[in-house]
């Protein structure tokens, strides 16, 4: 199966964007009017769409969203709700609105000095829900918080933010990567010294597969990336290709091909491959993996732009089998990860779109 025409990819991307931007108040997975990781991934993806699309209306949409929702942020200073701040540095560069930068620096300092950490120095995964995960490191945190820190470093030029971003990325890769397979566990318990349920959850891998090249791009001016990071990243991405199913997607747990296939994690992994190749981190031959995923993701986009086959919010579950029981429904992060993948194909130079 070849790569679909760019015109088709672009049309589907716009539908996905419009559905994401519409949202649905009161519906957990699609509620844009909140300040948490779910709408955070949504607005991060909208910014990525703008970077590959260039439409000023996208920035106008993001500015309206910030104006309508930033007042909700004050009461939710937890790591998992940092995701929306990742668009602040770019909006500051584009608009010159100093309040965006000041707020981003305030949050960056909270993350540096006050955010709970594990005994090894990684940010403890904290959430807005009434739950706590003491001494736990989750893969989600890299996309939800460390990405913001790398962008704050870039816009301010401050080494302290860059050092923290690199520290968190390195610690998460080091603690979560399964040396036997090369892929990532969903979480790690620093007290018990084990990977909790031991689930090699696909979307956990997608968060870091995509966030790593995004972060390294922001951190280039600082030259502080240890060799361990790109080495571990290449190991991860090569290993992920081995778990891709024949139809182009990945099962919701990587090493359980009998589990259902999941769209958001698949889109995130494929997009991470494209980002990594574009930045020279990965060998171009890995694009074949992403090319197999693209048509399968497109098949899961409804006529109204809704991305289907997206698993719901998933903490580190008690057993691997429980991951196959997570229901699927539309979510802003499902819309967002699919949008980023489509935008990368539609806007990427040198990506074939001739349908052959």
Protein backbone atom coordinates (compact mmCIF):
# COMPACT_ATOMS: atom_id res chain seq x y z
CA UNK A 1 0.00 0.00 0.00
CA UNK A 2 1.52 3.33 -1.08
CA UNK A 3 1.35 6.74 0.53
CA UNK A 4 -1.96 8.49 -0.23
CA UNK A 5 -2.01 11.72 -2.22
CA UNK A 6 -0.99 14.81 -0.28
CA UNK A 7 -4.29 16.44 -1.19
CA UNK A 8 -6.15 13.63 0.60
CA UNK A 9 -3.85 13.82 3.61
CA UNK A 10 -4.30 17.59 3.78
CA UNK A 11 -8.08 17.34 3.55
CA UNK A 12 -8.21 14.75 6.33
CA UNK A 13 -5.84 16.80 8.46
CA UNK A 14 -8.12 19.81 8.20
CA UNK A 15 -11.15 17.74 9.23
CA UNK A 16 -9.26 16.36 12.22
CA UNK A 17 -8.19 19.88 13.16
CA UNK A 18 -11.72 21.25 12.94
CA UNK A 19 -13.08 18.43 15.09
CA UNK A 20 -10.33 18.99 17.64
CA UNK A 21 -10.89 22.73 17.70
CA UNK A 22 -14.63 22.26 18.10
CA UNK A 23 -14.34 20.05 21.18
CA UNK A 24 -17.31 19.06 23.32
CA UNK A 25 -17.89 20.74 26.67
CA UNK A 26 -18.42 18.33 29.53
CA UNK A 27 -17.19 15.29 27.59
CA UNK A 28 -13.95 14.25 29.29
CA UNK A 29 -11.99 13.17 26.25
CA UNK A 30 -13.12 16.04 24.03
CA UNK A 31 -13.58 18.92 26.50
CA UNK A 32 -11.28 21.75 25.41
CA UNK A 33 -12.37 24.08 28.17
CA UNK A 34 -10.17 22.66 30.88
CA UNK A 35 -6.54 22.93 31.95
CA UNK A 36 -5.03 19.50 31.95
CA UNK A 37 -3.05 17.11 29.78
CA UNK A 38 -5.93 16.21 27.47
CA UNK A 39 -6.55 19.71 26.05
CA UNK A 40 -2.81 20.29 26.48
CA UNK A 41 -1.98 17.65 23.90
CA UNK A 42 -4.69 19.15 21.73
CA UNK A 43 -3.18 22.64 21.68
CA UNK A 44 0.37 21.30 21.29
CA UNK A 45 -0.80 19.49 18.17
CA UNK A 46 -2.52 22.62 16.87
CA UNK A 47 0.75 24.49 17.18
CA UNK A 48 2.53 21.68 15.31
CA UNK A 49 -0.13 21.92 12.59
CA UNK A 50 0.54 25.63 12.30
CA UNK A 51 4.28 25.00 11.97
CA UNK A 52 3.65 22.73 8.98
CA UNK A 53 0.64 24.63 7.62
CA UNK A 54 1.30 28.31 8.33
CA UNK A 55 -2.33 29.39 8.59
CA UNK A 56 -2.63 32.45 10.85
CA UNK A 57 -6.12 31.32 11.84
CA UNK A 58 -4.57 28.47 13.82
CA UNK A 59 -2.66 30.95 15.96
CA UNK A 60 -5.83 32.99 16.38
CA UNK A 61 -7.60 29.84 17.59
CA UNK A 62 -4.81 29.15 20.10
CA UNK A 63 -4.85 32.71 21.40
CA UNK A 64 -8.60 32.49 21.93
CA UNK A 65 -8.15 29.22 23.78
CA UNK A 66 -5.50 30.65 26.09
CA UNK A 67 -7.62 33.74 26.81
CA UNK A 68 -10.63 31.57 27.67
CA UNK A 69 -8.85 28.97 29.79
CA UNK A 70 -5.68 30.32 31.39
CA UNK A 71 -7.62 31.32 34.52
CA UNK A 72 -8.24 27.60 35.14
CA UNK A 73 -4.53 26.86 35.53
CA UNK A 74 -3.91 28.31 38.99
CA UNK A 75 -5.35 25.47 41.03
CA UNK A 76 -3.77 22.57 39.15
CA UNK A 77 -0.01 22.79 39.62
CA UNK A 78 0.70 19.13 38.97
CA UNK A 79 3.11 17.66 36.45
CA UNK A 80 0.43 16.15 34.24
CA UNK A 81 -1.33 19.50 33.82
CA UNK A 82 1.77 21.31 32.59
CA UNK A 83 1.10 20.29 28.98
CA UNK A 84 -0.86 23.42 27.91
CA UNK A 85 2.08 25.65 28.84
CA UNK A 86 4.11 24.09 26.02
CA UNK A 87 2.49 26.50 23.55
CA UNK A 88 3.33 29.62 25.57
CA UNK A 89 6.93 30.10 24.34
CA UNK A 90 5.87 29.95 20.69
CA UNK A 91 2.90 32.24 21.24
CA UNK A 92 5.20 34.70 22.97
CA UNK A 93 7.59 34.66 20.00
CA UNK A 94 4.72 35.18 17.58
CA UNK A 95 2.79 37.82 19.50
CA UNK A 96 5.30 39.52 21.80
CA UNK A 97 2.82 39.23 24.67
CA UNK A 98 5.11 39.50 27.69
CA UNK A 99 2.57 37.98 30.07
CA UNK A 100 2.90 34.64 28.31
CA UNK A 101 6.64 34.57 28.91
CA UNK A 102 6.35 35.65 32.53
CA UNK A 103 3.78 32.97 33.25
CA UNK A 104 5.90 30.35 31.50
CA UNK A 105 8.95 31.33 33.58
CA UNK A 106 6.91 31.14 36.78
CA UNK A 107 5.80 27.63 35.89
CA UNK A 108 9.29 26.66 34.83
CA UNK A 109 10.61 27.73 38.22
CA UNK A 110 7.87 25.79 39.98
CA UNK A 111 8.89 22.71 38.04
CA UNK A 112 12.56 23.23 38.86
CA UNK A 113 12.21 23.98 42.56
CA UNK A 114 8.86 22.69 43.85
CA UNK A 115 7.50 19.86 41.69
CA UNK A 116 7.68 16.54 43.56
CA UNK A 117 10.57 14.30 42.55
CA UNK A 118 11.55 10.71 42.99
CA UNK A 119 14.66 9.81 44.92
CA UNK A 120 16.56 9.74 41.63
CA UNK A 121 15.55 13.28 40.69
CA UNK A 122 12.89 12.53 38.07
CA UNK A 123 9.61 14.38 38.31
CA UNK A 124 7.09 12.27 40.15
CA UNK A 125 3.99 11.75 38.07
CA UNK A 126 1.28 13.86 39.72
CA UNK A 127 -2.24 14.31 38.36
CA UNK A 128 -5.32 16.48 38.88
CA UNK A 129 -7.45 13.48 39.82
CA UNK A 130 -7.74 12.35 43.43
CA UNK A 131 -4.87 9.88 43.16
CA UNK A 132 -1.20 9.79 44.00
CA UNK A 133 1.68 7.78 42.61
CA UNK A 134 4.55 8.31 45.03
CA UNK A 135 8.04 7.63 43.69
CA UNK A 136 6.62 6.70 40.28
CA UNK A 137 8.13 7.72 36.96
CA UNK A 138 5.76 7.62 33.97
CA UNK A 139 6.63 8.00 30.28
CA UNK A 140 3.77 10.51 29.87
CA UNK A 141 5.71 13.13 31.84
CA UNK A 142 8.25 13.71 29.07
CA UNK A 143 5.59 14.97 26.67
CA UNK A 144 3.47 16.68 29.32
CA UNK A 145 6.22 18.59 31.13
CA UNK A 146 9.76 18.12 29.85
CA UNK A 147 8.78 19.31 26.36
CA UNK A 148 7.61 22.60 27.85
CA UNK A 149 10.88 22.98 29.76
CA UNK A 150 12.92 22.56 26.58
CA UNK A 151 10.84 25.22 24.82
CA UNK A 152 11.19 27.59 27.74
CA UNK A 153 14.95 27.11 27.59
CA UNK A 154 14.99 27.98 23.90
CA UNK A 155 12.93 31.14 24.21
CA UNK A 156 14.77 32.47 27.28
CA UNK A 157 18.26 31.23 26.44
CA UNK A 158 18.67 30.14 30.08
CA UNK A 159 20.97 27.18 30.68
CA UNK A 160 19.14 26.23 33.88
CA UNK A 161 15.97 25.34 32.01
CA UNK A 162 17.91 23.44 29.36
CA UNK A 163 19.78 21.44 32.00
CA UNK A 164 16.51 20.47 33.70
CA UNK A 165 14.93 19.42 30.39
CA UNK A 166 17.94 17.26 29.53
CA UNK A 167 18.03 15.80 33.05
CA UNK A 168 14.38 14.76 32.90
CA UNK A 169 14.61 13.28 29.40
CA UNK A 170 17.73 11.33 30.34
CA UNK A 171 16.30 10.02 33.60
CA UNK A 172 13.05 8.92 32.01
CA UNK A 173 14.79 7.10 29.17
CA UNK A 174 17.24 5.48 31.56
CA UNK A 175 14.63 4.33 34.07
CA UNK A 176 11.92 3.25 31.65
CA UNK A 177 13.84 1.57 28.85
CA UNK A 178 13.69 -2.21 28.95
CA UNK A 179 17.22 -3.31 28.20
CA UNK A 180 15.99 -6.69 26.94
CA UNK A 181 13.71 -5.32 24.21
CA UNK A 182 14.73 -1.68 23.74
CA UNK A 183 11.19 -0.35 24.21
CA UNK A 184 9.78 1.44 27.24
CA UNK A 185 7.76 0.34 30.20
CA UNK A 186 4.78 2.54 31.03
CA UNK A 187 6.08 3.34 34.52
CA UNK A 188 8.77 2.64 37.08
CA UNK A 189 8.43 2.41 40.86
CA UNK A 190 11.56 3.89 42.40
CA UNK A 191 10.77 2.49 45.85
CA UNK A 192 10.30 -1.09 44.73
CA UNK A 193 12.80 -0.86 41.90
CA UNK A 194 10.49 -2.46 39.35
CA UNK A 195 8.34 -1.52 36.31
CA UNK A 196 5.05 -1.98 38.19
CA UNK A 197 2.81 -4.12 35.97
CA UNK A 198 5.61 -4.39 33.44
CA UNK A 199 3.36 -3.15 30.62
CA UNK A 200 5.15 -2.03 27.49
CA UNK A 201 2.22 0.24 26.71
CA UNK A 202 2.17 1.61 23.18
CA UNK A 203 1.05 5.16 23.93
CA UNK A 204 3.68 5.47 26.67
CA UNK A 205 6.27 4.69 24.02
CA UNK A 206 4.61 7.16 21.66
CA UNK A 207 4.88 10.04 24.13
CA UNK A 208 8.65 9.68 24.28
CA UNK A 209 9.05 8.65 20.64
CA UNK A 210 7.56 11.99 19.65
CA UNK A 211 8.71 14.26 22.48
CA UNK A 212 12.40 13.34 22.20
CA UNK A 213 13.05 14.80 18.74
CA UNK A 214 10.83 17.77 19.56
CA UNK A 215 12.92 18.46 22.65
CA UNK A 216 16.28 17.90 21.02
CA UNK A 217 15.37 20.41 18.31
CA UNK A 218 14.68 23.04 20.98
CA UNK A 219 17.87 22.20 22.88
CA UNK A 220 20.28 22.36 19.93
CA UNK A 221 21.60 25.85 20.81
CA UNK A 222 22.81 24.62 24.21
CA UNK A 223 24.92 21.67 23.09
CA UNK A 224 24.34 19.83 26.35
CA UNK A 225 22.85 16.55 25.12
CA UNK A 226 24.71 13.49 26.44
CA UNK A 227 25.40 10.78 23.86
CA UNK A 228 23.23 8.44 25.91
CA UNK A 229 20.04 10.22 24.85
CA UNK A 230 20.22 9.86 21.04
CA UNK A 231 21.66 6.35 21.47
CA UNK A 232 18.75 5.25 23.64
CA UNK A 233 16.32 6.97 21.29
CA UNK A 234 17.65 5.15 18.25
CA UNK A 235 17.45 1.86 20.12
CA UNK A 236 13.84 2.62 21.07
CA UNK A 237 12.70 3.59 17.59
CA UNK A 238 14.35 0.65 15.89
CA UNK A 239 12.80 -1.71 18.44
CA UNK A 240 9.33 -0.20 17.98
CA UNK A 241 9.39 -1.10 14.31
CA UNK A 242 9.64 -4.77 15.24
CA UNK A 243 6.32 -4.65 17.10
CA UNK A 244 4.29 -3.09 14.26
CA UNK A 245 1.52 -5.39 13.07
CA UNK A 246 0.95 -6.28 9.43
CA UNK A 247 -1.95 -3.85 9.09
CA UNK A 248 0.29 -0.88 9.99
CA UNK A 249 -0.82 -0.18 13.56
CA UNK A 250 0.51 -1.32 16.92
CA UNK A 251 -1.46 -3.21 19.58
CA UNK A 252 -2.28 -1.23 22.68
CA UNK A 253 0.47 -3.17 24.49
CA UNK A 254 3.46 -3.62 22.21
CA UNK A 255 4.27 -7.27 22.91
CA UNK A 256 0.64 -8.43 22.94
CA UNK A 257 -0.42 -8.74 19.29
CA UNK A 258 -3.62 -10.38 20.51
CA UNK A 259 -4.73 -7.06 22.08
CA UNK A 260 -6.70 -4.46 20.11
CA UNK A 261 -4.84 -2.06 17.84
CA UNK A 262 -4.72 1.52 19.10
CA UNK A 263 -4.71 4.65 16.93
CA UNK A 264 -3.19 7.40 19.10
CA UNK A 265 -0.10 5.46 20.11
CA UNK A 266 0.39 4.28 16.53
CA UNK A 267 0.12 7.82 15.17
CA UNK A 268 2.53 9.13 17.81
CA UNK A 269 5.16 6.49 17.05
CA UNK A 270 4.90 7.04 13.30
CA UNK A 271 5.12 10.81 13.73
CA UNK A 272 8.12 10.41 16.01
CA UNK A 273 9.87 8.45 13.27
CA UNK A 274 9.28 11.25 10.77
CA UNK A 275 10.48 13.89 13.23
CA UNK A 276 13.54 11.83 14.05
CA UNK A 277 14.45 11.32 10.39
CA UNK A 278 13.92 15.00 9.60
CA UNK A 279 16.35 15.95 12.36
CA UNK A 280 18.99 13.41 11.41
CA UNK A 281 18.49 11.29 14.53
CA UNK A 282 17.19 8.22 12.69
CA UNK A 283 18.08 6.38 9.51
CA UNK A 284 15.79 7.24 6.56
CA UNK A 285 14.99 3.55 6.06
CA UNK A 286 12.79 3.72 9.16
CA UNK A 287 10.30 5.81 7.19
CA UNK A 288 8.94 2.56 5.79
CA UNK A 289 7.52 1.88 9.26
CA UNK A 290 5.71 5.24 9.32
CA UNK A 291 4.55 4.77 5.73
CA UNK A 292 2.82 1.53 6.72
CA UNK A 293 1.07 3.26 9.62
CA UNK A 294 -0.27 6.25 7.69
CA UNK A 295 -3.00 4.51 5.63
CA UNK A 296 -4.14 2.58 8.70
CA UNK A 297 -4.51 5.82 10.69
CA UNK A 298 -6.38 7.46 7.81
CA UNK A 299 -8.85 4.58 7.79
CA UNK A 300 -9.75 5.42 11.38
CA UNK A 301 -10.76 9.02 10.66
CA UNK A 302 -14.49 9.47 10.28
CA UNK A 303 -16.19 11.74 7.76
CA UNK A 304 -16.56 14.42 10.45
CA UNK A 305 -12.87 14.25 11.35
CA UNK A 306 -13.28 12.16 14.49
CA UNK A 307 -10.34 9.84 15.14
CA UNK A 308 -11.55 6.41 16.26
CA UNK A 309 -9.84 3.51 17.98
CA UNK A 310 -8.31 5.70 20.69
CA UNK A 311 -7.97 4.18 24.15
CA UNK A 312 -9.19 6.24 27.08
CA UNK A 313 -7.13 7.74 29.88
CA UNK A 314 -4.81 5.04 31.16
CA UNK A 315 -2.86 5.12 34.42
CA UNK A 316 -0.29 2.41 35.08
CA UNK A 317 -2.68 -0.50 35.48
CA UNK A 318 -2.45 -3.42 37.88
CA UNK A 319 -1.79 -6.05 35.23
CA UNK A 320 -0.94 -6.10 31.55
CA UNK A 321 -4.29 -7.75 30.80
CA UNK A 322 -6.13 -4.71 32.17
CA UNK A 323 -4.78 -2.57 29.31
CA UNK A 324 -6.86 -4.55 26.84
CA UNK A 325 -9.98 -3.64 28.81
CA UNK A 326 -9.56 0.14 28.48
CA UNK A 327 -12.47 1.40 26.34
CA UNK A 328 -11.93 3.42 23.17
CA UNK A 329 -13.63 6.74 22.47
CA UNK A 330 -12.82 10.11 20.82
CA UNK A 331 -10.28 12.25 22.65
CA UNK A 332 -8.37 15.46 22.04
CA UNK A 333 -5.08 13.60 22.34
CA UNK A 334 -6.23 11.08 19.74
CA UNK A 335 -7.17 13.95 17.45
CA UNK A 336 -3.90 15.65 18.22
CA UNK A 337 -1.50 12.78 17.61
CA UNK A 338 -3.24 11.90 14.36
CA UNK A 339 -3.15 15.56 13.31
CA UNK A 340 0.58 15.79 13.95
CA UNK A 341 1.21 12.71 11.83
CA UNK A 342 -0.90 13.97 8.93
CA UNK A 343 0.63 17.43 9.14
CA UNK A 344 4.11 15.96 8.98
CA UNK A 345 3.29 14.07 5.80
CA UNK A 346 1.37 16.88 4.20
CA UNK A 347 3.95 19.56 4.97
CA UNK A 348 7.21 17.62 4.94
CA UNK A 349 9.62 18.27 2.12
CA UNK A 350 10.86 15.15 0.41
CA UNK A 351 7.98 12.95 1.59
CA UNK A 352 6.42 11.17 -1.36
CA UNK A 353 2.76 11.88 -1.96
CA UNK A 354 2.29 10.53 -5.45
CA UNK A 355 0.10 7.64 -4.36
CA UNK A 356 2.42 4.96 -5.78
